[in-house]
Amino acid sequence: MATDAGTISLSRSVRILAGAVLVNLVAGALYAWSLFIEPAQTVLEVGRTAVSSIFAVSTTGFAVAVMGTPLLVRPGTALRPALSATGLSVLGLLLAGWGESLWTVILGYGVLYGIASGIGYSTALQSAVGALPARRGLATGIAVCAYAMGAVVFAPFFRAGLEAWNIWETFLATALAFAGLGLVGAALLLPATIPRADRHADECLDGPFWRLWFGFFCGASAGLMALGHAAAIVSAYDLVAPAAALGTGLITAANGAGRLYAGAVSDYWHPRSVLLGAKVLAAGALVLLVIFESAPLVYVVLTIMGFAYGSMASGYPTATLYYYGPTHLGRIYGKMLTAWGAAGLSAPLVAGALYDWTGSYTLALLLAAGAAVVALAIIWSVPRRHS
């Protein structure tokens, strides 16, 4: 009987993790936006700053959704928010594809898909953590790794669509793909349970929270300047279009690897140490690119940046688990993720504006390096234990 119970428990955990992975693949394709920057700029006849605003809006919608989802989702109802995420993402891509204007892309890809991405991410993360209570760090790493891998999986699809059709038809084809994957993922999450949101979590917003928040903001700003403009940064070094797709693939693949690595090692190492390592990698890589400005070095730097950013993406939810416990994860991490939302709203826009102003990404990359250094100093001040 014990063996049967263990088999059933393992089967349930695997099913939930598989559902979380599929839901986050759909949600994480949001990160492949940089492939659309130049095609959108051409067809919409607008500047880089205007096109960058689409990704900025989507990241803000993501953060707002992650913060609000724990308040709206009832315990044990992972299926409903997973279906909501799928429906909103499909609707957003259909609107972007049919509208064929800057404002419909902002509303469809930016607002609706951004919100859908946040709902899917929050649902998948909480479901995964509940599926592996003895290895919460690993579960966190799997869930957030899948989110990053969404861009890796869909990047070749987006590139092929842009070459064979146009940006509008690519949005419509993506909506169909999202519908299929999202529905399967939602069905797999049927047995998942989500803990009740702790409505007294605001009382826990003490010193460690705010230092983690500001460290997250500075680190995410550095990462999003590179991540949100990855393909365009490669193109700025006079590399051909397939090279831009390779650059996007490298940074997002490394992003996924960093998330899985940081989540797994956080079960054994202190999350603060994981975060410090990520900041050192990010700052060092960006400074190297600014100093040497070598085209081949772009690939190395984007890969390191992806890994460092992914480590932060796993490091902050596992730090939340460490300092505040699983019952506070939904509310506390939802509030902490507003740091990522603030960075997402500002960093891609700043990078785009600096490119329009200077004609290169040098100043933006230098600013990103400075943000990574500030993040390193802030996380260094975080205590090892919650006082």
Protein backbone atom coordinates (compact mmCIF):
# COMPACT_ATOMS: atom_id res chain seq x y z
CA MET A 1 0.00 0.00 0.00
CA ALA A 2 2.82 2.38 0.87
CA THR A 3 4.41 1.72 -2.52
CA ASP A 4 1.12 2.35 -4.29
CA ALA A 5 0.62 5.60 -2.36
CA GLY A 6 4.16 6.68 -3.21
CA THR A 7 3.61 5.88 -6.89
CA ILE A 8 0.38 7.87 -6.94
CA SER A 9 2.09 10.80 -5.21
CA LEU A 10 4.99 10.70 -7.68
CA SER A 11 2.61 10.47 -10.64
CA ARG A 12 0.63 13.44 -9.33
CA SER A 13 3.80 15.51 -8.83
CA VAL A 14 5.07 14.70 -12.34
CA ARG A 15 1.70 15.58 -13.85
CA ILE A 16 1.54 18.93 -12.06
CA LEU A 17 5.13 19.77 -12.97
CA ALA A 18 4.43 18.89 -16.62
CA GLY A 19 1.38 21.17 -16.58
CA ALA A 20 3.38 23.97 -14.97
CA VAL A 21 6.03 23.60 -17.67
CA LEU A 22 3.52 23.82 -20.53
CA VAL A 23 1.67 26.79 -19.04
CA ASN A 24 4.96 28.62 -18.49
CA LEU A 25 6.19 27.86 -22.01
CA VAL A 26 3.22 29.83 -23.32
CA ALA A 27 3.69 32.56 -20.71
CA GLY A 28 7.45 32.82 -21.25
CA ALA A 29 7.31 33.33 -25.02
CA LEU A 30 6.78 36.98 -23.98
CA TYR A 31 10.58 37.18 -23.66
CA ALA A 32 11.11 36.64 -27.39
CA TRP A 33 9.79 40.13 -28.16
CA SER A 34 13.20 41.37 -29.28
CA LEU A 35 12.75 39.36 -32.50
CA PHE A 36 9.78 41.60 -33.34
CA ILE A 37 11.54 44.93 -32.66
CA GLU A 38 12.93 45.65 -36.12
CA PRO A 39 9.99 44.14 -38.12
CA ALA A 40 7.51 46.10 -35.99
CA GLN A 41 9.52 49.29 -36.31
CA THR A 42 9.54 48.89 -40.11
CA VAL A 43 5.87 48.05 -40.62
CA LEU A 44 4.58 50.55 -38.05
CA GLU A 45 7.00 53.30 -39.17
CA VAL A 46 7.85 54.38 -35.62
CA GLY A 47 11.07 54.80 -33.62
CA ARG A 48 12.84 52.28 -31.41
CA THR A 49 11.46 53.95 -28.27
CA ALA A 50 7.85 53.47 -29.39
CA VAL A 51 8.41 49.80 -30.23
CA SER A 52 10.24 49.26 -26.93
CA SER A 53 7.14 50.55 -25.13
CA ILE A 54 5.29 47.37 -26.15
CA PHE A 55 7.67 45.15 -24.18
CA ALA A 56 7.69 47.66 -21.33
CA VAL A 57 3.88 47.55 -21.09
CA SER A 58 3.86 43.74 -21.24
CA THR A 59 6.35 43.42 -18.36
CA THR A 60 4.29 45.84 -16.28
CA GLY A 61 1.13 43.84 -17.00
CA PHE A 62 3.01 40.70 -16.01
CA ALA A 63 4.05 42.16 -12.65
CA VAL A 64 0.56 43.49 -11.86
CA ALA A 65 -0.96 40.10 -12.66
CA VAL A 66 1.52 38.19 -10.49
CA MET A 67 0.78 40.53 -7.58
CA GLY A 68 -3.00 40.23 -8.00
CA THR A 69 -3.35 36.53 -8.83
CA PRO A 70 -2.88 35.23 -5.23
CA LEU A 71 -5.78 37.45 -4.11
CA LEU A 72 -8.11 36.27 -6.88
CA VAL A 73 -7.30 32.55 -7.06
CA ARG A 74 -9.09 30.32 -4.60
CA PRO A 75 -7.12 27.44 -3.04
CA GLY A 76 -7.10 24.32 -5.20
CA THR A 77 -8.31 26.02 -8.38
CA ALA A 78 -5.18 25.93 -10.55
CA LEU A 79 -7.28 24.90 -13.57
CA ARG A 80 -9.28 28.13 -13.67
CA PRO A 81 -6.37 30.60 -13.69
CA ALA A 82 -4.48 28.39 -16.17
CA LEU A 83 -7.45 28.54 -18.54
CA SER A 84 -7.74 32.30 -17.97
CA ALA A 85 -4.06 32.75 -18.85
CA THR A 86 -4.50 30.72 -22.03
CA GLY A 87 -7.61 32.62 -23.09
CA LEU A 88 -6.11 36.06 -22.50
CA SER A 89 -2.88 35.20 -24.34
CA VAL A 90 -4.81 33.91 -27.37
CA LEU A 91 -7.09 36.96 -27.35
CA GLY A 92 -4.11 39.31 -27.08
CA LEU A 93 -2.25 37.77 -30.02
CA LEU A 94 -5.42 37.73 -32.15
CA LEU A 95 -5.99 41.42 -31.40
CA ALA A 96 -2.37 42.27 -32.24
CA GLY A 97 -2.55 40.32 -35.51
CA TRP A 98 -5.91 41.64 -36.66
CA GLY A 99 -5.49 45.26 -35.54
CA GLU A 100 -2.25 45.93 -37.46
CA SER A 101 -1.48 49.14 -35.54
CA LEU A 102 0.82 50.26 -32.73
CA TRP A 103 -2.05 50.68 -30.28
CA THR A 104 -3.60 47.27 -30.94
CA VAL A 105 -0.17 45.64 -30.50
CA ILE A 106 0.30 47.55 -27.23
CA LEU A 107 -3.15 46.43 -26.05
CA GLY A 108 -2.93 42.87 -27.39
CA TYR A 109 0.71 41.88 -26.89
CA GLY A 110 1.48 44.41 -24.17
CA VAL A 111 -1.57 44.50 -21.91
CA LEU A 112 -3.53 41.28 -22.53
CA TYR A 113 -0.62 38.93 -23.18
CA GLY A 114 1.42 40.59 -20.42
CA ILE A 115 -1.38 39.98 -17.90
CA ALA A 116 -1.89 36.43 -19.20
CA SER A 117 1.82 35.77 -18.80
CA GLY A 118 1.71 36.91 -15.18
CA ILE A 119 -1.34 34.79 -14.33
CA GLY A 120 0.22 31.73 -15.96
CA TYR A 121 3.57 32.27 -14.23
CA SER A 122 2.06 32.72 -10.77
CA THR A 123 -0.23 29.72 -11.17
CA ALA A 124 2.57 27.48 -12.46
CA LEU A 125 5.02 28.58 -9.74
CA GLN A 126 2.65 27.99 -6.83
CA SER A 127 1.46 24.68 -8.28
CA ALA A 128 5.03 23.45 -8.76
CA VAL A 129 6.16 24.43 -5.25
CA GLY A 130 3.20 22.51 -3.81
CA ALA A 131 4.01 19.46 -5.93
CA LEU A 132 7.53 19.05 -4.45
CA PRO A 133 7.35 20.18 -0.81
CA ALA A 134 10.69 18.53 0.04
CA ARG A 135 12.54 20.21 -2.85
CA ARG A 136 10.92 23.61 -3.17
CA GLY A 137 14.04 25.17 -4.62
CA LEU A 138 14.17 22.59 -7.40
CA ALA A 139 10.44 23.01 -8.06
CA THR A 140 10.92 26.77 -8.28
CA GLY A 141 13.81 26.27 -10.69
CA ILE A 142 11.78 23.96 -12.94
CA ALA A 143 8.83 26.36 -13.07
CA VAL A 144 10.80 29.52 -13.77
CA CYS A 145 13.14 27.67 -16.15
CA ALA A 146 10.12 26.66 -18.22
CA TYR A 147 9.08 30.32 -18.33
CA ALA A 148 12.45 31.27 -19.81
CA MET A 149 12.43 28.32 -22.20
CA GLY A 150 9.21 29.62 -23.72
CA ALA A 151 11.27 32.16 -25.64
CA VAL A 152 13.77 29.46 -26.70
CA VAL A 153 11.00 27.19 -27.98
CA PHE A 154 9.10 29.93 -29.81
CA ALA A 155 12.07 31.98 -31.14
CA PRO A 156 12.61 29.73 -34.21
CA PHE A 157 8.85 29.69 -34.80
CA PHE A 158 8.71 33.50 -34.68
CA ARG A 159 11.73 33.84 -36.98
CA ALA A 160 10.27 31.38 -39.50
CA GLY A 161 6.93 33.16 -39.40
CA LEU A 162 8.49 36.56 -39.97
CA GLU A 163 10.43 35.22 -42.95
CA ALA A 164 7.55 33.24 -44.51
CA TRP A 165 4.63 35.59 -43.79
CA ASN A 166 4.67 38.91 -41.93
CA ILE A 167 4.42 40.11 -38.34
CA TRP A 168 0.61 40.11 -38.34
CA GLU A 169 0.22 36.57 -39.63
CA THR A 170 2.92 35.42 -37.19
CA PHE A 171 0.85 36.81 -34.29
CA LEU A 172 -2.22 34.91 -35.55
CA ALA A 173 -0.32 31.63 -35.96
CA THR A 174 1.14 32.05 -32.48
CA ALA A 175 -2.36 32.44 -31.03
CA LEU A 176 -3.29 29.00 -32.40
CA ALA A 177 -0.15 27.42 -30.96
CA PHE A 178 -0.82 29.04 -27.57
CA ALA A 179 -4.37 27.68 -27.53
CA GLY A 180 -3.21 24.08 -28.00
CA LEU A 181 -0.33 24.11 -25.50
CA GLY A 182 -2.24 26.15 -22.93
CA LEU A 183 -5.27 23.86 -22.88
CA VAL A 184 -3.13 20.74 -22.40
CA GLY A 185 -1.16 22.44 -19.62
CA ALA A 186 -4.32 23.57 -17.84
CA ALA A 187 -5.74 20.03 -17.94
CA LEU A 188 -2.55 18.65 -16.38
CA LEU A 189 -2.81 21.18 -13.54
CA LEU A 190 -6.27 19.92 -12.55
CA PRO A 191 -5.03 18.13 -9.36
CA ALA A 192 -2.81 21.05 -8.30
CA THR A 193 -3.53 22.82 -5.04
CA ILE A 194 -2.65 26.47 -4.39
CA PRO A 195 -2.26 27.65 -0.78
CA ARG A 196 -4.67 30.25 0.52
CA ALA A 197 -3.29 33.77 0.22
CA ASP A 198 -2.08 35.09 3.57
CA ARG A 199 -3.86 38.41 4.02
CA HIS A 200 -1.54 39.36 6.89
CA ALA A 201 1.56 39.08 4.71
CA ASP A 202 1.92 42.89 4.62
CA GLU A 203 3.08 42.74 8.23
CA CYS A 204 6.21 40.91 7.04
CA LEU A 205 7.44 43.73 4.78
CA ASP A 206 10.46 44.55 6.94
CA GLY A 207 14.13 45.30 6.20
CA PRO A 208 15.01 42.14 4.22
CA PHE A 209 12.03 42.64 1.92
CA TRP A 210 12.91 46.16 0.86
CA ARG A 211 16.60 45.40 0.35
CA LEU A 212 15.64 42.41 -1.75
CA TRP A 213 13.17 44.63 -3.63
CA PHE A 214 15.75 47.26 -4.55
CA GLY A 215 18.32 44.58 -5.39
CA PHE A 216 15.74 42.95 -7.66
CA PHE A 217 14.94 46.27 -9.34
CA CYS A 218 18.58 47.10 -10.12
CA GLY A 219 19.46 43.56 -11.19
CA ALA A 220 16.35 43.22 -13.35
CA SER A 221 17.03 46.62 -14.95
CA ALA A 222 20.47 45.42 -16.03
CA GLY A 223 19.08 42.15 -17.34
CA LEU A 224 16.09 43.59 -19.16
CA MET A 225 18.18 46.18 -20.98
CA ALA A 226 20.06 43.29 -22.55
CA LEU A 227 17.21 40.77 -22.74
CA GLY A 228 14.63 43.16 -24.19
CA HIS A 229 17.04 44.27 -26.95
CA ALA A 230 19.04 41.06 -27.48
CA ALA A 231 18.37 40.63 -31.20
CA ALA A 232 18.78 44.37 -31.84
CA ILE A 233 22.09 44.44 -29.91
CA VAL A 234 23.44 41.65 -32.12
CA SER A 235 22.26 43.52 -35.23
CA ALA A 236 23.95 46.69 -33.98
CA TYR A 237 27.28 44.88 -34.30
CA ASP A 238 26.61 44.39 -38.05
CA LEU A 239 25.81 40.70 -37.75
CA VAL A 240 23.24 39.16 -40.10
CA ALA A 241 19.61 38.35 -39.26
CA PRO A 242 20.14 34.64 -38.43
CA ALA A 243 22.84 35.80 -36.00
CA ALA A 244 20.24 37.97 -34.26
CA ALA A 245 18.05 34.90 -33.79
CA LEU A 246 21.08 33.01 -32.45
CA GLY A 247 21.78 35.81 -29.98
CA THR A 248 18.21 35.71 -28.74
CA GLY A 249 18.35 31.93 -28.47
CA LEU A 250 21.61 32.03 -26.50
CA ILE A 251 20.47 34.58 -23.95
CA THR A 252 17.13 32.89 -23.38
CA ALA A 253 18.62 29.37 -23.23
CA ALA A 254 21.19 30.60 -20.70
CA ASN A 255 18.35 32.33 -18.87
CA GLY A 256 16.59 28.96 -18.51
CA ALA A 257 19.79 27.21 -17.43
CA GLY A 258 20.44 29.88 -14.79
CA ARG A 259 16.92 29.52 -13.41
CA LEU A 260 17.16 25.74 -13.11
CA TYR A 261 20.67 25.91 -11.62
CA ALA A 262 19.83 28.57 -9.04
CA GLY A 263 16.64 26.82 -7.98
CA ALA A 264 18.37 23.45 -7.53
CA VAL A 265 21.38 24.78 -5.61
CA SER A 266 19.17 26.96 -3.39
CA ASP A 267 18.04 23.75 -1.67
CA TYR A 268 21.64 23.47 -0.42
CA TRP A 269 23.19 26.95 -0.63
CA HIS A 270 21.93 30.16 0.90
CA PRO A 271 19.79 32.12 -1.62
CA ARG A 272 21.76 35.27 -0.76
CA SER A 273 24.97 33.61 -2.04
CA VAL A 274 23.22 32.60 -5.27
CA LEU A 275 22.05 36.18 -5.83
CA LEU A 276 25.49 37.66 -5.11
CA GLY A 277 27.06 35.36 -7.71
CA ALA A 278 24.47 36.43 -10.28
CA LYS A 279 25.21 40.13 -9.75
CA VAL A 280 28.98 39.60 -10.13
CA LEU A 281 28.48 37.72 -13.42
CA ALA A 282 26.16 40.39 -14.84
CA ALA A 283 28.37 43.36 -13.96
CA GLY A 284 31.55 41.69 -15.21
CA ALA A 285 30.06 40.60 -18.54
CA LEU A 286 28.59 44.01 -19.35
CA VAL A 287 31.81 45.85 -18.52
CA LEU A 288 33.76 43.50 -20.83
CA LEU A 289 31.46 44.26 -23.77
CA VAL A 290 31.62 48.03 -23.18
CA ILE A 291 35.43 47.99 -23.03
CA PHE A 292 36.21 45.70 -25.97
CA GLU A 293 33.12 46.15 -28.22
CA SER A 294 33.91 42.95 -30.09
CA ALA A 295 31.21 41.33 -32.25
CA PRO A 296 32.09 37.72 -31.25
CA LEU A 297 32.13 38.84 -27.60
CA VAL A 298 28.45 39.80 -27.93
CA TYR A 299 27.45 36.14 -27.89
CA VAL A 300 29.52 35.43 -24.77
CA VAL A 301 28.17 38.45 -22.93
CA LEU A 302 24.54 37.73 -23.86
CA THR A 303 24.97 34.14 -22.69
CA ILE A 304 26.46 35.22 -19.35
CA MET A 305 23.77 37.87 -18.95
CA GLY A 306 21.07 35.31 -19.63
CA PHE A 307 22.52 32.93 -17.02
CA ALA A 308 22.90 35.72 -14.44
CA TYR A 309 19.39 37.02 -15.07
CA GLY A 310 17.98 33.49 -14.83
CA SER A 311 19.80 32.94 -11.54
CA MET A 312 18.16 36.09 -10.19
CA ALA A 313 14.76 34.97 -11.48
CA SER A 314 15.02 31.78 -9.39
CA GLY A 315 16.98 33.38 -6.57
CA TYR A 316 14.35 35.90 -5.53
CA PRO A 317 11.38 33.49 -5.17
CA THR A 318 13.61 31.01 -3.32
CA ALA A 319 14.84 33.86 -1.11
CA THR A 320 11.20 34.69 -0.42
CA LEU A 321 10.59 31.06 0.56
CA TYR A 322 13.68 31.13 2.80
CA TYR A 323 12.91 34.37 4.62
CA TYR A 324 9.10 34.21 4.78
CA GLY A 325 7.99 30.59 4.20
CA PRO A 326 5.68 28.97 1.61
CA THR A 327 2.43 30.34 3.06
CA HIS A 328 3.62 33.89 2.31
CA LEU A 329 5.03 33.09 -1.15
CA GLY A 330 2.05 34.27 -3.21
CA ARG A 331 1.54 37.62 -1.50
CA ILE A 332 5.14 38.53 -0.61
CA TYR A 333 6.69 37.48 -3.91
CA GLY A 334 3.85 39.12 -5.78
CA LYS A 335 4.74 42.41 -4.09
CA MET A 336 8.45 41.84 -4.60
CA LEU A 337 7.86 41.30 -8.29
CA THR A 338 6.70 44.91 -8.58
CA ALA A 339 10.44 45.61 -8.63
CA TRP A 340 10.68 43.57 -11.82
CA GLY A 341 7.63 45.40 -13.18
CA ALA A 342 9.19 48.79 -12.47
CA ALA A 343 12.40 47.65 -14.15
CA GLY A 344 10.43 46.24 -17.08
CA LEU A 345 8.59 49.53 -17.56
CA SER A 346 11.73 51.67 -17.47
CA ALA A 347 14.77 49.65 -18.60
CA PRO A 348 13.71 48.71 -22.19
CA LEU A 349 12.47 52.27 -22.76
CA VAL A 350 15.71 53.76 -21.45
CA ALA A 351 17.79 51.42 -23.63
CA GLY A 352 15.67 52.28 -26.69
CA ALA A 353 15.87 56.02 -26.00
CA LEU A 354 19.65 55.88 -25.52
CA TYR A 355 19.97 53.98 -28.81
CA ASP A 356 17.84 56.59 -30.63
CA TRP A 357 19.98 59.34 -29.09
CA THR A 358 23.46 57.87 -29.64
CA GLY A 359 22.96 55.37 -32.48
CA SER A 360 24.57 52.56 -30.44
CA TYR A 361 23.96 50.45 -27.33
CA THR A 362 27.26 51.37 -25.60
CA LEU A 363 25.76 53.89 -23.16
CA ALA A 364 22.81 51.60 -22.37
CA LEU A 365 25.13 48.68 -21.64
CA LEU A 366 27.31 50.89 -19.43
CA LEU A 367 24.23 51.98 -17.49
CA ALA A 368 23.17 48.33 -17.15
CA ALA A 369 26.60 47.46 -15.73
CA GLY A 370 26.24 50.23 -13.15
CA ALA A 371 22.82 48.92 -12.14
CA ALA A 372 24.29 45.43 -11.63
CA VAL A 373 27.02 46.85 -9.37
CA VAL A 374 24.43 48.71 -7.27
CA ALA A 375 22.39 45.50 -7.00
CA LEU A 376 25.49 43.65 -5.79
CA ALA A 377 26.05 46.19 -3.02
CA ILE A 378 22.42 46.02 -1.92
CA ILE A 379 22.26 42.21 -1.76
CA TRP A 380 25.56 42.16 0.14
CA SER A 381 23.78 44.10 2.91
CA VAL A 382 20.94 41.54 3.23
CA PRO A 383 21.30 39.50 6.46
CA ARG A 384 21.73 35.75 6.20
CA ARG A 385 18.85 35.22 8.59
CA HIS A 386 15.43 36.88 8.88
CA SER A 387 15.62 38.94 12.09
